[in-house]
C-alpha cells in the first residue's frame, strides 16, 4: 500500500497519517487541540509534537479550552518546568491567549467549527499533488485564515501554521495522488 512519503519516517507519523491527517474534523474539542499543537510545532518538526502529544494532553487538561483560558502564572510556571512538552514561554502563553480567543469565537459563531470551516466554504479543498515537493507551505485560504485569527487575538497562527492546521483537520486533502488515502478522502 503506497503512502505519503513523509508518513514512513516513524511509526507515530504513519499512524497519524493513516488515521487522522486530512480527515475532515468538525469537533470543536479536536479543532482546538490541533490549533494548540500546530502553534507548539512552530519551528520544530511535527514528529516532535506528535511524540509529545500525550504529554500535552496531560499538561493542558486534555485541551479543555475553559480550563486553559483560566491558567495563571503559577500554572504557566508549572508548564515551563514540564519536560514532556516544549518549554517555550511564548508558546505556552499563546496557548492561554488562544484558549480565550477560541472561546470568544465559539460564542460569536455558535461553534469554532462554524467559524473555521468558512475559509474553505464548508468543504475540504481537493488537491492533486503527485509528489510531496509540490505541496505548498501556505495558500490564499491559509493567509486569510491567519489574518482573521490574528485580528481576533490568536497567536502563533501565521499562514504556514494555518496551512498545516488545514491539512491536519482535513480542510485540505494534501495526500499525494499515489497515496491510498487520497481517493478515500476525496469522497469525504
N, C-alpha and C. Protein backbone atom coordinates (compact mmCIF):
# COMPACT_ATOMS: atom_id res chain seq x y z
N UNK A 1 0.85 -1.18 0.00
CA UNK A 1 0.00 0.00 0.00
C UNK A 1 0.90 1.25 0.00
N UNK A 2 0.69 2.12 -0.96
CA UNK A 2 1.51 3.32 -1.08
C UNK A 2 0.95 4.40 -0.16
N UNK A 3 1.89 5.08 0.53
CA UNK A 3 1.52 6.15 1.45
C UNK A 3 2.36 7.38 1.15
N UNK A 4 1.91 8.53 1.63
CA UNK A 4 2.71 9.74 1.51
C UNK A 4 4.10 9.46 2.10
N UNK A 5 5.11 9.91 1.41
CA UNK A 5 6.49 9.59 1.80
C UNK A 5 6.81 10.01 3.23
N UNK A 6 6.32 11.17 3.66
CA UNK A 6 6.65 11.66 5.00
C UNK A 6 6.13 10.73 6.09
N UNK A 7 5.09 9.98 5.79
CA UNK A 7 4.46 9.11 6.80
C UNK A 7 5.31 7.91 7.16
N UNK A 8 6.33 7.64 6.36
CA UNK A 8 7.15 6.45 6.59
C UNK A 8 8.35 6.72 7.49
N UNK A 9 8.47 7.94 7.99
CA UNK A 9 9.63 8.30 8.80
C UNK A 9 9.61 7.69 10.21
N UNK A 10 8.42 7.43 10.74
CA UNK A 10 8.32 6.85 12.08
C UNK A 10 6.95 6.17 12.23
N UNK A 11 6.85 5.32 13.22
CA UNK A 11 5.58 4.64 13.48
C UNK A 11 4.50 5.63 13.89
N UNK A 12 4.86 6.63 14.68
CA UNK A 12 3.85 7.60 15.13
C UNK A 12 3.35 8.43 13.95
N UNK A 13 4.25 8.80 13.05
CA UNK A 13 3.82 9.57 11.88
C UNK A 13 2.95 8.71 10.95
N UNK A 14 3.27 7.44 10.84
CA UNK A 14 2.48 6.56 9.99
C UNK A 14 1.06 6.38 10.56
N UNK A 15 0.96 6.18 11.86
CA UNK A 15 -0.37 6.06 12.48
C UNK A 15 -1.18 7.34 12.29
N UNK A 16 -0.52 8.48 12.50
CA UNK A 16 -1.17 9.78 12.34
C UNK A 16 -1.65 9.95 10.89
N UNK A 17 -0.80 9.64 9.95
CA UNK A 17 -1.14 9.72 8.52
C UNK A 17 -2.34 8.84 8.20
N UNK A 18 -2.29 7.61 8.66
CA UNK A 18 -3.32 6.64 8.30
C UNK A 18 -4.67 6.93 8.94
N UNK A 19 -4.67 7.54 10.10
CA UNK A 19 -5.92 7.69 10.86
C UNK A 19 -6.44 9.11 11.03
N UNK A 20 -5.58 10.11 10.92
CA UNK A 20 -6.03 11.47 11.25
C UNK A 20 -5.76 12.51 10.17
N UNK A 21 -4.57 12.52 9.60
CA UNK A 21 -4.16 13.62 8.73
C UNK A 21 -5.06 13.72 7.51
N UNK A 22 -5.69 14.85 7.36
CA UNK A 22 -6.54 15.09 6.21
C UNK A 22 -7.97 14.63 6.39
N UNK A 23 -8.30 14.05 7.52
CA UNK A 23 -9.68 13.60 7.77
C UNK A 23 -10.48 14.81 8.26
N UNK A 24 -11.56 15.17 7.58
CA UNK A 24 -12.34 16.34 8.00
C UNK A 24 -12.80 16.22 9.45
N UNK A 25 -12.44 17.23 10.22
CA UNK A 25 -12.73 17.26 11.65
C UNK A 25 -13.70 18.41 11.93
N UNK A 26 -14.80 18.11 12.58
CA UNK A 26 -15.81 19.13 12.88
C UNK A 26 -16.12 19.21 14.37
N UNK A 27 -15.31 18.59 15.19
CA UNK A 27 -15.48 18.59 16.64
C UNK A 27 -14.65 19.74 17.23
N UNK A 28 -15.31 20.64 17.95
CA UNK A 28 -14.60 21.80 18.49
C UNK A 28 -13.43 21.42 19.38
N UNK A 29 -13.59 20.39 20.18
CA UNK A 29 -12.50 19.97 21.06
C UNK A 29 -11.28 19.55 20.25
N UNK A 30 -11.49 18.74 19.23
CA UNK A 30 -10.40 18.31 18.37
C UNK A 30 -9.79 19.46 17.58
N UNK A 31 -10.63 20.37 17.11
CA UNK A 31 -10.13 21.54 16.38
C UNK A 31 -9.25 22.40 17.28
N UNK A 32 -9.64 22.53 18.55
CA UNK A 32 -8.84 23.30 19.49
C UNK A 32 -7.51 22.60 19.78
N UNK A 33 -7.56 21.29 19.97
CA UNK A 33 -6.32 20.55 20.22
C UNK A 33 -5.32 20.78 19.10
N UNK A 34 -5.76 20.63 17.86
CA UNK A 34 -4.84 20.83 16.74
C UNK A 34 -4.35 22.26 16.65
N UNK A 35 -5.20 23.22 16.99
CA UNK A 35 -4.77 24.61 16.96
C UNK A 35 -3.60 24.84 17.92
N UNK A 36 -3.70 24.27 19.13
CA UNK A 36 -2.61 24.44 20.09
C UNK A 36 -1.38 23.64 19.69
N UNK A 37 -1.58 22.43 19.19
CA UNK A 37 -0.43 21.62 18.79
C UNK A 37 0.31 22.22 17.59
N UNK A 38 -0.42 22.75 16.63
CA UNK A 38 0.24 23.38 15.48
C UNK A 38 1.03 24.61 15.92
N UNK A 39 0.49 25.37 16.86
CA UNK A 39 1.23 26.52 17.39
C UNK A 39 2.48 26.09 18.13
N UNK A 40 2.40 25.00 18.87
CA UNK A 40 3.56 24.47 19.58
C UNK A 40 4.63 23.98 18.61
N UNK A 41 4.20 23.53 17.46
CA UNK A 41 5.10 22.95 16.47
C UNK A 41 5.95 24.02 15.77
N UNK A 42 5.55 25.27 15.77
CA UNK A 42 6.26 26.32 15.04
C UNK A 42 7.77 26.23 15.25
N UNK A 43 8.49 26.06 14.14
CA UNK A 43 9.94 25.98 14.18
C UNK A 43 10.49 24.61 14.52
N UNK A 44 9.62 23.65 14.77
CA UNK A 44 10.03 22.30 15.12
C UNK A 44 9.44 21.31 14.12
N UNK A 45 9.82 20.07 14.24
CA UNK A 45 9.21 19.05 13.37
C UNK A 45 7.88 18.62 13.97
N UNK A 46 6.96 18.22 13.11
CA UNK A 46 5.67 17.72 13.59
C UNK A 46 5.87 16.46 14.41
N UNK A 47 6.87 15.67 14.04
CA UNK A 47 7.13 14.44 14.79
C UNK A 47 7.43 14.74 16.25
N UNK A 48 8.15 15.81 16.51
CA UNK A 48 8.46 16.19 17.89
C UNK A 48 7.16 16.40 18.68
N UNK A 49 6.23 17.12 18.09
CA UNK A 49 4.97 17.40 18.78
C UNK A 49 4.12 16.14 18.86
N UNK A 50 4.09 15.39 17.79
CA UNK A 50 3.31 14.15 17.77
C UNK A 50 3.77 13.20 18.86
N UNK A 51 5.08 13.10 19.04
CA UNK A 51 5.62 12.21 20.07
C UNK A 51 5.35 12.73 21.49
N UNK A 52 5.07 14.02 21.61
CA UNK A 52 4.77 14.62 22.91
C UNK A 52 3.26 14.84 23.12
N UNK A 53 2.47 14.37 22.19
CA UNK A 53 1.04 14.65 22.22
C UNK A 53 0.36 14.21 23.52
N UNK A 54 0.66 13.02 23.99
CA UNK A 54 0.03 12.56 25.23
C UNK A 54 0.47 13.41 26.42
N UNK A 55 1.72 13.83 26.42
CA UNK A 55 2.20 14.71 27.49
C UNK A 55 1.49 16.06 27.42
N UNK A 56 1.24 16.54 26.22
CA UNK A 56 0.48 17.78 26.06
C UNK A 56 -0.94 17.62 26.59
N UNK A 57 -1.57 16.51 26.27
CA UNK A 57 -2.93 16.27 26.77
C UNK A 57 -2.97 16.30 28.29
N UNK A 58 -1.99 15.66 28.91
CA UNK A 58 -1.94 15.63 30.37
C UNK A 58 -1.63 17.02 30.94
N UNK A 59 -0.66 17.70 30.35
CA UNK A 59 -0.24 19.00 30.86
C UNK A 59 -1.30 20.08 30.67
N UNK A 60 -2.03 20.01 29.57
CA UNK A 60 -3.02 21.03 29.22
C UNK A 60 -4.46 20.56 29.44
N UNK A 61 -4.68 19.82 30.53
CA UNK A 61 -6.03 19.42 30.94
C UNK A 61 -6.86 18.87 29.78
N UNK A 62 -6.24 17.97 29.01
CA UNK A 62 -6.90 17.34 27.86
C UNK A 62 -7.49 18.38 26.90
N UNK A 63 -6.78 19.49 26.77
CA UNK A 63 -7.17 20.56 25.85
C UNK A 63 -8.57 21.11 26.13
N UNK A 64 -8.87 21.26 27.40
CA UNK A 64 -10.12 21.88 27.82
C UNK A 64 -9.92 23.39 27.74
N UNK A 65 -10.54 24.02 26.75
CA UNK A 65 -10.32 25.45 26.49
C UNK A 65 -10.70 26.32 27.68
N UNK A 66 -11.77 25.97 28.37
CA UNK A 66 -12.19 26.78 29.53
C UNK A 66 -11.15 26.72 30.64
N UNK A 67 -10.61 25.55 30.90
CA UNK A 67 -9.57 25.44 31.93
C UNK A 67 -8.31 26.18 31.52
N UNK A 68 -7.90 26.02 30.27
CA UNK A 68 -6.67 26.66 29.79
C UNK A 68 -6.82 28.18 29.82
N UNK A 69 -8.00 28.69 29.46
CA UNK A 69 -8.23 30.13 29.46
C UNK A 69 -8.06 30.73 30.86
N UNK A 70 -8.21 29.91 31.88
CA UNK A 70 -8.11 30.38 33.26
C UNK A 70 -6.71 30.19 33.86
N UNK A 71 -5.76 29.68 33.10
CA UNK A 71 -4.42 29.46 33.63
C UNK A 71 -3.82 30.78 34.12
N UNK A 72 -3.16 30.69 35.29
CA UNK A 72 -2.48 31.84 35.85
C UNK A 72 -0.96 31.64 35.78
N UNK A 73 -0.22 32.56 36.35
CA UNK A 73 1.24 32.49 36.29
C UNK A 73 1.79 31.22 36.95
N UNK A 74 1.17 30.78 38.02
CA UNK A 74 1.64 29.55 38.67
C UNK A 74 1.51 28.36 37.72
N UNK A 75 0.40 28.27 37.02
CA UNK A 75 0.20 27.17 36.08
C UNK A 75 1.18 27.29 34.91
N UNK A 76 1.40 28.49 34.43
CA UNK A 76 2.37 28.70 33.33
C UNK A 76 3.75 28.27 33.77
N UNK A 77 4.13 28.60 35.00
CA UNK A 77 5.44 28.18 35.52
C UNK A 77 5.53 26.67 35.67
N UNK A 78 4.43 26.04 36.06
CA UNK A 78 4.40 24.58 36.13
C UNK A 78 4.61 23.98 34.75
N UNK A 79 3.96 24.55 33.75
CA UNK A 79 4.12 24.05 32.38
C UNK A 79 5.55 24.26 31.88
N UNK A 80 6.16 25.37 32.25
CA UNK A 80 7.54 25.64 31.84
C UNK A 80 8.53 24.64 32.44
N UNK A 81 8.15 24.01 33.52
CA UNK A 81 9.00 23.01 34.16
C UNK A 81 8.71 21.60 33.67
N UNK A 82 7.70 21.44 32.83
CA UNK A 82 7.28 20.12 32.36
C UNK A 82 8.15 19.67 31.18
N UNK A 83 8.98 18.67 31.42
CA UNK A 83 9.90 18.21 30.37
C UNK A 83 9.20 17.41 29.27
N UNK A 84 7.94 17.10 29.45
CA UNK A 84 7.21 16.33 28.45
C UNK A 84 6.69 17.15 27.29
N UNK A 85 6.72 18.49 27.45
CA UNK A 85 6.23 19.38 26.40
C UNK A 85 7.35 20.32 25.96
N UNK A 86 7.10 21.09 24.94
CA UNK A 86 8.05 22.11 24.51
C UNK A 86 7.93 23.26 25.50
N UNK A 87 9.02 23.54 26.18
CA UNK A 87 9.01 24.53 27.26
C UNK A 87 9.41 25.90 26.73
N UNK A 88 8.53 26.48 25.98
CA UNK A 88 8.75 27.79 25.37
C UNK A 88 7.70 28.74 25.96
N UNK A 89 8.18 29.74 26.66
CA UNK A 89 7.26 30.66 27.36
C UNK A 89 6.26 31.31 26.40
N UNK A 90 6.72 31.75 25.23
CA UNK A 90 5.82 32.41 24.29
C UNK A 90 4.73 31.45 23.79
N UNK A 91 5.11 30.22 23.53
CA UNK A 91 4.13 29.24 23.04
C UNK A 91 3.13 28.85 24.13
N UNK A 92 3.60 28.74 25.35
CA UNK A 92 2.70 28.39 26.45
C UNK A 92 1.74 29.54 26.73
N UNK A 93 2.25 30.77 26.73
CA UNK A 93 1.37 31.93 26.91
C UNK A 93 0.37 32.03 25.75
N UNK A 94 0.84 31.72 24.55
CA UNK A 94 -0.05 31.76 23.39
C UNK A 94 -1.19 30.75 23.54
N UNK A 95 -0.92 29.60 24.14
CA UNK A 95 -1.98 28.61 24.34
C UNK A 95 -3.09 29.19 25.22
N UNK A 96 -2.72 29.95 26.23
CA UNK A 96 -3.71 30.57 27.12
C UNK A 96 -4.49 31.65 26.37
N UNK A 97 -3.77 32.48 25.64
CA UNK A 97 -4.41 33.53 24.84
C UNK A 97 -5.34 32.91 23.80
N UNK A 98 -4.87 31.84 23.16
CA UNK A 98 -5.67 31.19 22.12
C UNK A 98 -6.91 30.51 22.69
N UNK A 99 -6.80 29.99 23.90
CA UNK A 99 -7.99 29.40 24.54
C UNK A 99 -9.06 30.46 24.75
N UNK A 100 -8.65 31.62 25.21
CA UNK A 100 -9.62 32.71 25.42
C UNK A 100 -10.24 33.16 24.10
N UNK A 101 -9.39 33.31 23.07
CA UNK A 101 -9.89 33.72 21.75
C UNK A 101 -10.79 32.64 21.16
N UNK A 102 -10.42 31.38 21.36
CA UNK A 102 -11.22 30.26 20.88
C UNK A 102 -12.63 30.30 21.48
N UNK A 103 -12.69 30.55 22.78
CA UNK A 103 -14.00 30.62 23.45
C UNK A 103 -14.82 31.80 22.92
N UNK A 104 -14.17 32.93 22.70
CA UNK A 104 -14.87 34.10 22.15
C UNK A 104 -15.42 33.80 20.76
N UNK A 105 -14.59 33.21 19.90
CA UNK A 105 -15.02 32.89 18.54
C UNK A 105 -16.14 31.86 18.57
N UNK A 106 -16.01 30.87 19.42
CA UNK A 106 -17.04 29.83 19.53
C UNK A 106 -18.39 30.43 19.93
N UNK A 107 -18.35 31.40 20.84
CA UNK A 107 -19.58 32.05 21.28
C UNK A 107 -20.15 32.92 20.16
N UNK A 108 -19.30 33.65 19.47
CA UNK A 108 -19.74 34.54 18.40
C UNK A 108 -20.38 33.79 17.24
N UNK A 109 -19.77 32.66 16.86
CA UNK A 109 -20.22 31.92 15.67
C UNK A 109 -21.08 30.70 16.00
N UNK A 110 -21.28 30.43 17.26
CA UNK A 110 -22.04 29.26 17.66
C UNK A 110 -21.17 28.04 17.88
N UNK A 111 -20.03 27.97 17.20
CA UNK A 111 -19.02 26.93 17.39
C UNK A 111 -17.77 27.37 16.65
N UNK A 112 -16.64 26.83 17.06
CA UNK A 112 -15.40 27.12 16.33
C UNK A 112 -15.47 26.47 14.96
N UNK A 113 -16.09 25.31 14.89
CA UNK A 113 -16.26 24.61 13.62
C UNK A 113 -16.96 25.50 12.60
N UNK A 114 -18.04 26.14 13.00
CA UNK A 114 -18.77 27.02 12.08
C UNK A 114 -17.89 28.16 11.59
N UNK A 115 -17.03 28.65 12.45
CA UNK A 115 -16.12 29.74 12.09
C UNK A 115 -15.01 29.26 11.15
N UNK A 116 -14.28 28.24 11.55
CA UNK A 116 -13.05 27.88 10.85
C UNK A 116 -13.30 27.29 9.47
N UNK A 117 -14.37 26.54 9.31
CA UNK A 117 -14.65 25.91 8.02
C UNK A 117 -15.15 26.90 6.98
N UNK A 118 -15.46 28.13 7.38
CA UNK A 118 -15.86 29.17 6.41
C UNK A 118 -14.74 29.46 5.42
N UNK A 119 -13.50 29.24 5.85
CA UNK A 119 -12.36 29.59 4.99
C UNK A 119 -12.23 28.67 3.79
N UNK A 120 -12.93 27.54 3.82
CA UNK A 120 -12.96 26.62 2.66
C UNK A 120 -14.41 26.35 2.24
N UNK A 121 -15.28 27.29 2.55
CA UNK A 121 -16.69 27.21 2.18
C UNK A 121 -17.36 25.92 2.67
N UNK A 122 -16.90 25.43 3.82
CA UNK A 122 -17.54 24.31 4.47
C UNK A 122 -17.20 22.92 3.95
N UNK A 123 -16.31 22.83 2.96
CA UNK A 123 -15.95 21.52 2.42
C UNK A 123 -14.45 21.47 2.13
N UNK A 124 -13.86 20.28 2.24
CA UNK A 124 -12.41 20.16 2.03
C UNK A 124 -12.00 20.52 0.60
N UNK A 125 -10.90 21.23 0.51
CA UNK A 125 -10.29 21.50 -0.79
C UNK A 125 -9.58 20.23 -1.24
N UNK A 126 -9.75 19.86 -2.48
CA UNK A 126 -9.15 18.63 -3.01
C UNK A 126 -7.98 18.99 -3.93
N UNK A 127 -6.78 18.65 -3.48
CA UNK A 127 -5.59 18.89 -4.29
C UNK A 127 -5.15 17.59 -4.96
N UNK A 128 -4.33 17.71 -5.96
CA UNK A 128 -3.85 16.53 -6.72
C UNK A 128 -2.34 16.61 -6.91
N UNK A 129 -1.63 16.64 -5.80
CA UNK A 129 -0.17 16.71 -5.86
C UNK A 129 0.38 15.32 -6.14
N UNK A 130 1.30 15.24 -7.05
CA UNK A 130 1.92 13.94 -7.38
C UNK A 130 3.08 13.63 -6.45
N UNK A 131 3.78 14.67 -6.01
CA UNK A 131 4.92 14.46 -5.13
C UNK A 131 4.81 15.37 -3.91
N UNK A 132 5.47 14.96 -2.86
CA UNK A 132 5.49 15.74 -1.62
C UNK A 132 6.08 17.13 -1.86
N UNK A 133 7.03 17.24 -2.77
CA UNK A 133 7.68 18.52 -3.05
C UNK A 133 6.72 19.55 -3.64
N UNK A 134 5.64 19.10 -4.20
CA UNK A 134 4.66 20.02 -4.79
C UNK A 134 3.77 20.69 -3.75
N UNK A 135 3.68 20.12 -2.57
CA UNK A 135 2.80 20.69 -1.55
C UNK A 135 3.25 22.10 -1.19
N UNK A 136 2.31 23.04 -1.17
CA UNK A 136 2.67 24.42 -0.81
C UNK A 136 2.84 24.56 0.70
N UNK A 137 3.55 25.60 1.09
CA UNK A 137 3.71 25.91 2.51
C UNK A 137 2.51 26.69 3.04
N UNK A 138 1.79 27.35 2.14
CA UNK A 138 0.60 28.11 2.51
C UNK A 138 -0.25 28.30 1.27
N UNK A 139 -1.43 28.84 1.49
CA UNK A 139 -2.37 29.06 0.39
C UNK A 139 -3.08 30.39 0.62
N UNK A 140 -3.80 30.89 -0.37
CA UNK A 140 -4.59 32.11 -0.13
C UNK A 140 -5.56 31.94 1.03
N UNK A 141 -6.13 30.74 1.16
CA UNK A 141 -7.06 30.48 2.25
C UNK A 141 -6.37 30.51 3.61
N UNK A 142 -5.15 29.95 3.68
CA UNK A 142 -4.44 29.98 4.96
C UNK A 142 -3.97 31.39 5.30
N UNK A 143 -3.66 32.18 4.28
CA UNK A 143 -3.29 33.58 4.53
C UNK A 143 -4.49 34.35 5.10
N UNK A 144 -5.67 34.13 4.52
CA UNK A 144 -6.87 34.80 5.02
C UNK A 144 -7.21 34.32 6.42
N UNK A 145 -7.09 33.02 6.66
CA UNK A 145 -7.35 32.48 7.99
C UNK A 145 -6.41 33.10 9.01
N UNK A 146 -5.14 33.15 8.68
CA UNK A 146 -4.13 33.72 9.58
C UNK A 146 -4.47 35.16 9.93
N UNK A 147 -4.79 35.93 8.91
CA UNK A 147 -5.12 37.34 9.13
C UNK A 147 -6.33 37.48 10.05
N UNK A 148 -7.36 36.71 9.79
CA UNK A 148 -8.58 36.80 10.58
C UNK A 148 -8.35 36.32 12.03
N UNK A 149 -7.63 35.21 12.18
CA UNK A 149 -7.33 34.72 13.54
C UNK A 149 -6.54 35.75 14.33
N UNK A 150 -5.53 36.36 13.70
CA UNK A 150 -4.73 37.37 14.40
C UNK A 150 -5.57 38.57 14.80
N UNK A 151 -6.50 38.97 13.92
CA UNK A 151 -7.38 40.09 14.26
C UNK A 151 -8.27 39.76 15.44
N UNK A 152 -8.53 38.48 15.64
CA UNK A 152 -9.38 38.04 16.75
C UNK A 152 -8.56 37.72 18.00
N UNK A 153 -7.24 37.99 17.95
CA UNK A 153 -6.40 37.86 19.14
C UNK A 153 -5.57 36.61 19.25
N UNK A 154 -5.65 35.71 18.27
CA UNK A 154 -4.87 34.47 18.33
C UNK A 154 -3.39 34.74 18.08
N UNK A 155 -2.55 33.88 18.65
CA UNK A 155 -1.09 33.95 18.50
C UNK A 155 -0.58 32.66 17.86
N UNK A 156 0.59 32.72 17.26
CA UNK A 156 1.22 31.56 16.59
C UNK A 156 0.25 30.98 15.55
N UNK A 157 -0.27 31.85 14.71
CA UNK A 157 -1.20 31.44 13.66
C UNK A 157 -0.82 32.09 12.33
N UNK A 158 0.46 32.00 11.98
CA UNK A 158 0.91 32.51 10.70
C UNK A 158 0.35 31.67 9.56
N UNK A 159 0.54 32.14 8.34
CA UNK A 159 -0.06 31.47 7.18
C UNK A 159 0.44 30.04 6.99
N UNK A 160 1.69 29.75 7.35
CA UNK A 160 2.21 28.40 7.23
C UNK A 160 1.63 27.49 8.31
N UNK A 161 1.54 28.00 9.53
CA UNK A 161 0.91 27.23 10.61
C UNK A 161 -0.55 26.96 10.27
N UNK A 162 -1.23 27.96 9.73
CA UNK A 162 -2.63 27.77 9.36
C UNK A 162 -2.78 26.73 8.26
N UNK A 163 -1.84 26.70 7.31
CA UNK A 163 -1.95 25.69 6.26
C UNK A 163 -1.74 24.29 6.84
N UNK A 164 -0.75 24.15 7.72
CA UNK A 164 -0.53 22.85 8.37
C UNK A 164 -1.77 22.45 9.17
N UNK A 165 -2.41 23.43 9.79
CA UNK A 165 -3.65 23.17 10.52
C UNK A 165 -4.74 22.68 9.56
N UNK A 166 -4.87 23.35 8.43
CA UNK A 166 -5.87 22.95 7.44
C UNK A 166 -5.64 21.52 6.97
N UNK A 167 -4.37 21.15 6.78
CA UNK A 167 -4.05 19.78 6.39
C UNK A 167 -4.43 18.80 7.50
N UNK A 168 -4.08 19.16 8.73
CA UNK A 168 -4.31 18.27 9.86
C UNK A 168 -5.78 17.98 10.07
N UNK A 169 -6.63 19.01 9.97
CA UNK A 169 -8.05 18.85 10.29
C UNK A 169 -8.90 18.57 9.05
N UNK A 170 -8.25 18.28 7.93
CA UNK A 170 -8.98 17.86 6.74
C UNK A 170 -9.66 18.96 5.95
N UNK A 171 -9.26 20.18 6.17
CA UNK A 171 -9.80 21.27 5.36
C UNK A 171 -9.22 21.25 3.95
N UNK A 172 -8.12 20.52 3.82
CA UNK A 172 -7.48 20.34 2.52
C UNK A 172 -6.97 18.90 2.45
N UNK A 173 -7.16 18.28 1.30
CA UNK A 173 -6.65 16.93 1.07
C UNK A 173 -5.32 17.06 0.34
N UNK A 174 -4.23 16.94 1.08
CA UNK A 174 -2.89 17.06 0.50
C UNK A 174 -2.15 15.73 0.47
N UNK A 175 -2.87 14.63 0.58
CA UNK A 175 -2.23 13.34 0.34
C UNK A 175 -1.82 13.32 -1.13
N UNK A 176 -0.64 12.79 -1.41
CA UNK A 176 -0.23 12.71 -2.81
C UNK A 176 -1.16 11.75 -3.54
N UNK A 177 -1.26 11.94 -4.84
CA UNK A 177 -2.25 11.17 -5.61
C UNK A 177 -1.96 9.68 -5.63
N UNK A 178 -0.73 9.27 -5.36
CA UNK A 178 -0.43 7.83 -5.33
C UNK A 178 -0.70 7.20 -3.95
N UNK A 179 -1.00 8.03 -2.95
CA UNK A 179 -1.27 7.55 -1.60
C UNK A 179 -2.68 6.95 -1.54
N UNK A 180 -2.79 5.84 -0.86
CA UNK A 180 -4.10 5.18 -0.76
C UNK A 180 -5.15 6.05 -0.08
N UNK A 181 -4.72 7.01 0.75
CA UNK A 181 -5.66 7.87 1.47
C UNK A 181 -6.26 8.96 0.57
N UNK A 182 -5.57 9.33 -0.49
CA UNK A 182 -6.05 10.42 -1.34
C UNK A 182 -7.45 10.17 -1.86
N UNK A 183 -7.70 9.04 -2.54
CA UNK A 183 -9.07 8.83 -3.04
C UNK A 183 -10.09 8.62 -1.93
N UNK A 184 -9.67 8.04 -0.81
CA UNK A 184 -10.60 7.85 0.30
C UNK A 184 -11.11 9.19 0.81
N UNK A 185 -10.21 10.15 0.93
CA UNK A 185 -10.57 11.46 1.47
C UNK A 185 -11.16 12.38 0.40
N UNK A 186 -10.98 12.03 -0.85
CA UNK A 186 -11.58 12.83 -1.92
C UNK A 186 -13.09 12.68 -1.92
N UNK A 187 -13.58 11.63 -1.32
CA UNK A 187 -15.02 11.39 -1.27
C UNK A 187 -15.64 11.80 0.05
N UNK A 188 -14.84 12.30 0.97
CA UNK A 188 -15.38 12.65 2.30
C UNK A 188 -16.00 14.04 2.30
